[in-house]
């Protein structure tokens, strides 16, 4: 084997991010989709990234950090996940449902790619 892409979608987390007045005062809902490329050399669990740990790291970043821009939040998530063993690329897409609803659109998202 070699590089393999793994997807985890719909990781929900609460965080204080945004540029508008009051957005960082109270936690809001964010949803993150990950596409992680891992370098898999063998058919053993240690050869990939721990999916549960990846999701937990996403939740931690969203909950513990604070960003004005959705773009910088996505970058921060991608960079944190990139630190995992065997990970060679991360695409992190962060959705902000509350912002989409307030604008009357289906979705607002930002995507960051780290490799």
N, C-alpha and C. Protein backbone atom coordinates (compact mmCIF):
# COMPACT_ATOMS: atom_id res chain seq x y z
N UNK A 1 0.83 -1.19 0.00
CA UNK A 1 0.00 0.00 0.00
C UNK A 1 0.87 1.25 0.00
N UNK A 2 0.23 2.36 -0.16
CA UNK A 2 0.94 3.65 -0.07
C UNK A 2 -0.03 4.69 0.46
N UNK A 3 -0.21 5.78 -0.25
CA UNK A 3 -1.11 6.82 0.22
C UNK A 3 -2.57 6.42 0.03
N UNK A 4 -3.36 6.74 1.03
CA UNK A 4 -4.79 6.43 1.00
C UNK A 4 -5.53 7.62 1.62
N UNK A 5 -6.66 7.99 1.01
CA UNK A 5 -7.46 9.09 1.55
C UNK A 5 -8.56 8.53 2.44
N UNK A 6 -8.75 9.18 3.57
CA UNK A 6 -9.77 8.82 4.55
C UNK A 6 -10.64 10.04 4.77
N UNK A 7 -11.95 9.87 4.77
CA UNK A 7 -12.85 10.98 5.02
C UNK A 7 -13.63 10.81 6.30
N UNK A 8 -13.76 11.89 7.03
CA UNK A 8 -14.62 11.93 8.22
C UNK A 8 -15.47 13.18 8.06
N UNK A 9 -16.77 13.01 7.98
CA UNK A 9 -17.63 14.18 7.77
C UNK A 9 -18.60 14.37 8.92
N UNK A 10 -18.98 15.62 9.11
CA UNK A 10 -20.00 15.95 10.10
C UNK A 10 -19.51 15.98 11.53
N UNK A 11 -18.26 16.37 11.75
CA UNK A 11 -17.74 16.49 13.12
C UNK A 11 -18.30 17.79 13.70
N UNK A 12 -19.18 17.67 14.68
CA UNK A 12 -19.82 18.84 15.29
C UNK A 12 -19.02 19.33 16.48
N UNK A 13 -18.92 20.64 16.60
CA UNK A 13 -18.19 21.24 17.71
C UNK A 13 -18.75 22.63 17.98
N UNK A 14 -18.59 23.08 19.20
CA UNK A 14 -18.99 24.41 19.62
C UNK A 14 -17.75 25.27 19.77
N UNK A 15 -17.80 26.50 19.23
CA UNK A 15 -16.65 27.38 19.34
C UNK A 15 -17.04 28.84 19.27
N UNK A 16 -16.09 29.70 19.62
CA UNK A 16 -16.29 31.15 19.65
C UNK A 16 -15.45 31.79 18.54
N UNK A 17 -16.03 31.85 17.37
CA UNK A 17 -15.32 32.36 16.20
C UNK A 17 -16.23 33.30 15.43
N UNK A 18 -15.66 34.36 14.88
CA UNK A 18 -16.44 35.25 14.05
C UNK A 18 -15.97 36.69 14.12
N UNK A 19 -16.37 37.45 13.11
CA UNK A 19 -15.97 38.84 12.99
C UNK A 19 -17.06 39.82 13.44
N UNK A 20 -18.29 39.37 13.46
CA UNK A 20 -19.40 40.26 13.82
C UNK A 20 -19.47 40.45 15.33
N UNK A 21 -19.96 41.60 15.77
CA UNK A 21 -20.08 41.86 17.22
C UNK A 21 -20.85 40.74 17.92
N UNK A 22 -20.28 40.26 19.02
CA UNK A 22 -20.94 39.24 19.83
C UNK A 22 -20.67 37.81 19.42
N UNK A 23 -20.12 37.57 18.24
CA UNK A 23 -19.92 36.19 17.79
C UNK A 23 -18.93 35.41 18.63
N UNK A 24 -17.99 36.12 19.25
CA UNK A 24 -17.02 35.42 20.08
C UNK A 24 -17.42 35.40 21.55
N UNK A 25 -18.58 35.98 21.86
CA UNK A 25 -19.05 36.00 23.24
C UNK A 25 -19.69 34.68 23.66
N UNK A 26 -20.35 34.01 22.73
CA UNK A 26 -21.04 32.77 23.03
C UNK A 26 -20.67 31.71 22.00
N UNK A 27 -20.60 30.47 22.44
CA UNK A 27 -20.25 29.37 21.55
C UNK A 27 -21.33 29.18 20.49
N UNK A 28 -20.89 28.91 19.28
CA UNK A 28 -21.76 28.64 18.15
C UNK A 28 -21.45 27.24 17.61
N UNK A 29 -22.35 26.72 16.83
CA UNK A 29 -22.17 25.41 16.21
C UNK A 29 -21.30 25.53 14.95
N UNK A 30 -20.34 24.63 14.83
CA UNK A 30 -19.52 24.48 13.64
C UNK A 30 -19.51 23.01 13.28
N UNK A 31 -19.41 22.72 12.00
CA UNK A 31 -19.30 21.34 11.53
C UNK A 31 -18.07 21.25 10.65
N UNK A 32 -17.28 20.21 10.86
CA UNK A 32 -16.03 20.05 10.12
C UNK A 32 -16.03 18.74 9.36
N UNK A 33 -15.60 18.81 8.11
CA UNK A 33 -15.36 17.62 7.29
C UNK A 33 -13.87 17.53 7.05
N UNK A 34 -13.33 16.33 7.23
CA UNK A 34 -11.90 16.11 6.99
C UNK A 34 -11.70 15.13 5.84
N UNK A 35 -10.69 15.41 5.05
CA UNK A 35 -10.17 14.44 4.10
C UNK A 35 -8.68 14.34 4.43
N UNK A 36 -8.28 13.19 4.91
CA UNK A 36 -6.92 13.00 5.40
C UNK A 36 -6.23 11.96 4.52
N UNK A 37 -5.08 12.32 3.99
CA UNK A 37 -4.27 11.36 3.24
C UNK A 37 -3.23 10.80 4.19
N UNK A 38 -3.22 9.47 4.31
CA UNK A 38 -2.27 8.79 5.19
C UNK A 38 -1.35 7.91 4.37
N UNK A 39 -0.13 7.78 4.86
CA UNK A 39 0.86 6.90 4.24
C UNK A 39 0.77 5.55 4.95
N UNK A 40 0.14 4.60 4.29
CA UNK A 40 -0.12 3.29 4.89
C UNK A 40 0.87 2.28 4.32
N UNK A 41 1.68 1.69 5.19
CA UNK A 41 2.71 0.75 4.75
C UNK A 41 2.37 -0.70 5.04
N UNK A 42 1.39 -0.94 5.91
CA UNK A 42 1.09 -2.32 6.31
C UNK A 42 -0.37 -2.41 6.72
N UNK A 43 -0.90 -3.59 6.79
CA UNK A 43 -2.29 -3.82 7.16
C UNK A 43 -2.44 -4.01 8.67
N UNK A 44 -2.02 -2.99 9.40
CA UNK A 44 -2.14 -2.98 10.86
C UNK A 44 -2.71 -1.63 11.28
N UNK A 45 -3.40 -1.60 12.39
CA UNK A 45 -4.09 -0.39 12.84
C UNK A 45 -3.11 0.78 13.06
N UNK A 46 -1.90 0.48 13.46
CA UNK A 46 -0.91 1.52 13.72
C UNK A 46 -0.42 2.20 12.43
N UNK A 47 -0.76 1.63 11.28
CA UNK A 47 -0.29 2.17 10.00
C UNK A 47 -1.15 3.32 9.49
N UNK A 48 -2.22 3.62 10.18
CA UNK A 48 -3.10 4.71 9.75
C UNK A 48 -3.25 5.71 10.88
N UNK A 49 -4.13 6.67 10.70
CA UNK A 49 -4.42 7.64 11.76
C UNK A 49 -5.66 7.17 12.52
N UNK A 50 -5.69 7.42 13.80
CA UNK A 50 -6.80 7.04 14.66
C UNK A 50 -7.97 8.00 14.39
N UNK A 51 -9.04 7.48 13.79
CA UNK A 51 -10.17 8.32 13.39
C UNK A 51 -10.80 9.04 14.58
N UNK A 52 -10.92 8.34 15.68
CA UNK A 52 -11.50 8.93 16.89
C UNK A 52 -10.62 10.08 17.39
N UNK A 53 -9.32 9.88 17.38
CA UNK A 53 -8.39 10.92 17.83
C UNK A 53 -8.44 12.13 16.89
N UNK A 54 -8.59 11.89 15.59
CA UNK A 54 -8.70 12.99 14.64
C UNK A 54 -9.94 13.84 14.95
N UNK A 55 -11.07 13.17 15.15
CA UNK A 55 -12.31 13.90 15.46
C UNK A 55 -12.19 14.66 16.77
N UNK A 56 -11.56 14.04 17.77
CA UNK A 56 -11.37 14.71 19.06
C UNK A 56 -10.48 15.94 18.91
N UNK A 57 -9.46 15.86 18.07
CA UNK A 57 -8.57 17.00 17.86
C UNK A 57 -9.30 18.15 17.18
N UNK A 58 -10.15 17.82 16.22
CA UNK A 58 -10.96 18.85 15.57
C UNK A 58 -11.83 19.55 16.60
N UNK A 59 -12.51 18.78 17.44
CA UNK A 59 -13.38 19.37 18.46
C UNK A 59 -12.58 20.24 19.43
N UNK A 60 -11.39 19.79 19.78
CA UNK A 60 -10.54 20.57 20.69
C UNK A 60 -10.16 21.91 20.08
N UNK A 61 -9.70 21.91 18.83
CA UNK A 61 -9.29 23.16 18.18
C UNK A 61 -10.47 24.13 18.09
N UNK A 62 -11.62 23.64 17.66
CA UNK A 62 -12.79 24.51 17.53
C UNK A 62 -13.20 25.07 18.89
N UNK A 63 -13.15 24.26 19.92
CA UNK A 63 -13.59 24.69 21.25
C UNK A 63 -12.58 25.59 21.96
N UNK A 64 -11.30 25.33 21.81
CA UNK A 64 -10.30 26.02 22.62
C UNK A 64 -9.69 27.25 21.97
N UNK A 65 -9.72 27.33 20.65
CA UNK A 65 -9.14 28.49 19.97
C UNK A 65 -10.26 29.48 19.63
N UNK A 66 -9.85 30.69 19.24
CA UNK A 66 -10.81 31.68 18.80
C UNK A 66 -10.23 32.41 17.60
N UNK A 67 -11.00 32.45 16.52
CA UNK A 67 -10.54 33.09 15.28
C UNK A 67 -11.61 34.05 14.78
N UNK A 68 -11.17 35.10 14.15
CA UNK A 68 -12.09 36.04 13.52
C UNK A 68 -12.61 35.45 12.21
N UNK A 69 -11.68 34.90 11.43
CA UNK A 69 -12.03 34.38 10.10
C UNK A 69 -12.28 32.88 10.11
N UNK A 70 -13.27 32.46 9.37
CA UNK A 70 -13.54 31.04 9.17
C UNK A 70 -12.35 30.38 8.48
N UNK A 71 -11.70 31.13 7.60
CA UNK A 71 -10.54 30.63 6.87
C UNK A 71 -9.39 30.27 7.81
N UNK A 72 -9.14 31.11 8.81
CA UNK A 72 -8.04 30.81 9.73
C UNK A 72 -8.40 29.68 10.68
N UNK A 73 -9.67 29.54 11.01
CA UNK A 73 -10.11 28.38 11.79
C UNK A 73 -9.86 27.10 10.99
N UNK A 74 -10.24 27.09 9.73
CA UNK A 74 -10.03 25.90 8.89
C UNK A 74 -8.54 25.57 8.80
N UNK A 75 -7.70 26.59 8.65
CA UNK A 75 -6.26 26.37 8.59
C UNK A 75 -5.74 25.79 9.90
N UNK A 76 -6.21 26.31 11.01
CA UNK A 76 -5.77 25.82 12.32
C UNK A 76 -6.17 24.36 12.53
N UNK A 77 -7.37 24.02 12.12
CA UNK A 77 -7.83 22.62 12.21
C UNK A 77 -6.94 21.73 11.35
N UNK A 78 -6.71 22.14 10.11
CA UNK A 78 -5.90 21.33 9.20
C UNK A 78 -4.48 21.14 9.73
N UNK A 79 -3.90 22.20 10.26
CA UNK A 79 -2.53 22.10 10.78
C UNK A 79 -2.45 21.19 12.00
N UNK A 80 -3.45 21.22 12.86
CA UNK A 80 -3.46 20.35 14.04
C UNK A 80 -3.57 18.88 13.63
N UNK A 81 -4.43 18.59 12.67
CA UNK A 81 -4.60 17.21 12.21
C UNK A 81 -3.36 16.73 11.46
N UNK A 82 -2.69 17.64 10.75
CA UNK A 82 -1.49 17.29 9.99
C UNK A 82 -0.38 16.76 10.89
N UNK A 83 -0.40 17.11 12.17
CA UNK A 83 0.63 16.67 13.12
C UNK A 83 0.52 15.18 13.48
N UNK A 84 -0.57 14.54 13.13
CA UNK A 84 -0.74 13.13 13.47
C UNK A 84 0.21 12.25 12.66
N UNK A 85 0.67 11.18 13.30
CA UNK A 85 1.57 10.23 12.65
C UNK A 85 0.90 9.64 11.40
N UNK A 86 1.67 9.47 10.35
CA UNK A 86 1.26 8.89 9.07
C UNK A 86 0.45 9.83 8.19
N UNK A 87 0.08 11.01 8.69
CA UNK A 87 -0.72 11.95 7.90
C UNK A 87 0.21 12.74 6.98
N UNK A 88 -0.10 12.75 5.67
CA UNK A 88 0.74 13.47 4.71
C UNK A 88 0.01 14.64 4.05
N UNK A 89 -1.32 14.69 4.18
CA UNK A 89 -2.09 15.83 3.69
C UNK A 89 -3.43 15.87 4.41
N UNK A 90 -3.92 17.09 4.61
CA UNK A 90 -5.22 17.29 5.25
C UNK A 90 -6.00 18.34 4.47
N UNK A 91 -7.26 18.05 4.21
CA UNK A 91 -8.19 19.04 3.71
C UNK A 91 -9.26 19.17 4.79
N UNK A 92 -9.34 20.35 5.40
CA UNK A 92 -10.33 20.59 6.45
C UNK A 92 -11.33 21.61 5.93
N UNK A 93 -12.60 21.22 5.95
CA UNK A 93 -13.68 22.11 5.53
C UNK A 93 -14.52 22.42 6.75
N UNK A 94 -14.59 23.70 7.10
CA UNK A 94 -15.34 24.13 8.29
C UNK A 94 -16.60 24.85 7.83
N UNK A 95 -17.74 24.36 8.30
CA UNK A 95 -19.05 24.93 7.98
C UNK A 95 -19.54 25.73 9.19
N UNK A 96 -20.21 26.85 8.91
CA UNK A 96 -20.78 27.68 9.97
C UNK A 96 -22.29 27.81 9.72
N UNK A 97 -23.07 26.86 10.24
CA UNK A 97 -24.51 26.83 9.95
C UNK A 97 -25.26 28.09 10.36
N UNK A 98 -24.89 28.69 11.48
CA UNK A 98 -25.58 29.90 11.94
C UNK A 98 -25.42 31.06 10.98
N UNK A 99 -24.23 31.20 10.42
CA UNK A 99 -23.98 32.28 9.45
C UNK A 99 -24.78 32.04 8.18
N UNK A 100 -24.84 30.80 7.74
CA UNK A 100 -25.61 30.47 6.54
C UNK A 100 -27.08 30.80 6.75
N UNK A 101 -27.59 30.42 7.90
CA UNK A 101 -28.99 30.67 8.21
C UNK A 101 -29.29 32.17 8.24
N UNK A 102 -28.38 32.95 8.84
CA UNK A 102 -28.62 34.39 8.93
C UNK A 102 -28.58 35.08 7.57
N UNK A 103 -27.88 34.48 6.60
CA UNK A 103 -27.82 35.04 5.26
C UNK A 103 -28.86 34.44 4.31
N UNK A 104 -29.58 33.45 4.79
CA UNK A 104 -30.60 32.80 3.97
C UNK A 104 -30.01 31.96 2.85
N UNK A 105 -28.86 31.33 3.13
CA UNK A 105 -28.22 30.45 2.15
C UNK A 105 -28.07 29.05 2.74
N UNK A 106 -27.74 28.09 1.88
CA UNK A 106 -27.63 26.71 2.33
C UNK A 106 -26.41 26.44 3.20
N UNK A 107 -25.30 27.08 2.88
CA UNK A 107 -24.06 26.77 3.60
C UNK A 107 -23.05 27.89 3.44
N UNK A 108 -22.24 28.06 4.45
CA UNK A 108 -21.05 28.90 4.38
C UNK A 108 -19.92 28.04 4.91
N UNK A 109 -18.85 27.94 4.13
CA UNK A 109 -17.74 27.10 4.55
C UNK A 109 -16.42 27.67 4.06
N UNK A 110 -15.35 27.25 4.73
CA UNK A 110 -13.99 27.58 4.32
C UNK A 110 -13.20 26.28 4.34
N UNK A 111 -12.29 26.16 3.39
CA UNK A 111 -11.49 24.94 3.26
C UNK A 111 -10.02 25.28 3.30
N UNK A 112 -9.26 24.51 4.08
CA UNK A 112 -7.81 24.68 4.14
C UNK A 112 -7.15 23.37 3.78
N UNK A 113 -6.05 23.47 3.04
CA UNK A 113 -5.29 22.29 2.64
C UNK A 113 -3.87 22.44 3.17
N UNK A 114 -3.41 21.42 3.90
CA UNK A 114 -2.06 21.43 4.46
C UNK A 114 -1.38 20.15 4.02
N UNK A 115 -0.19 20.29 3.45
CA UNK A 115 0.58 19.09 3.07
C UNK A 115 2.06 19.34 3.26
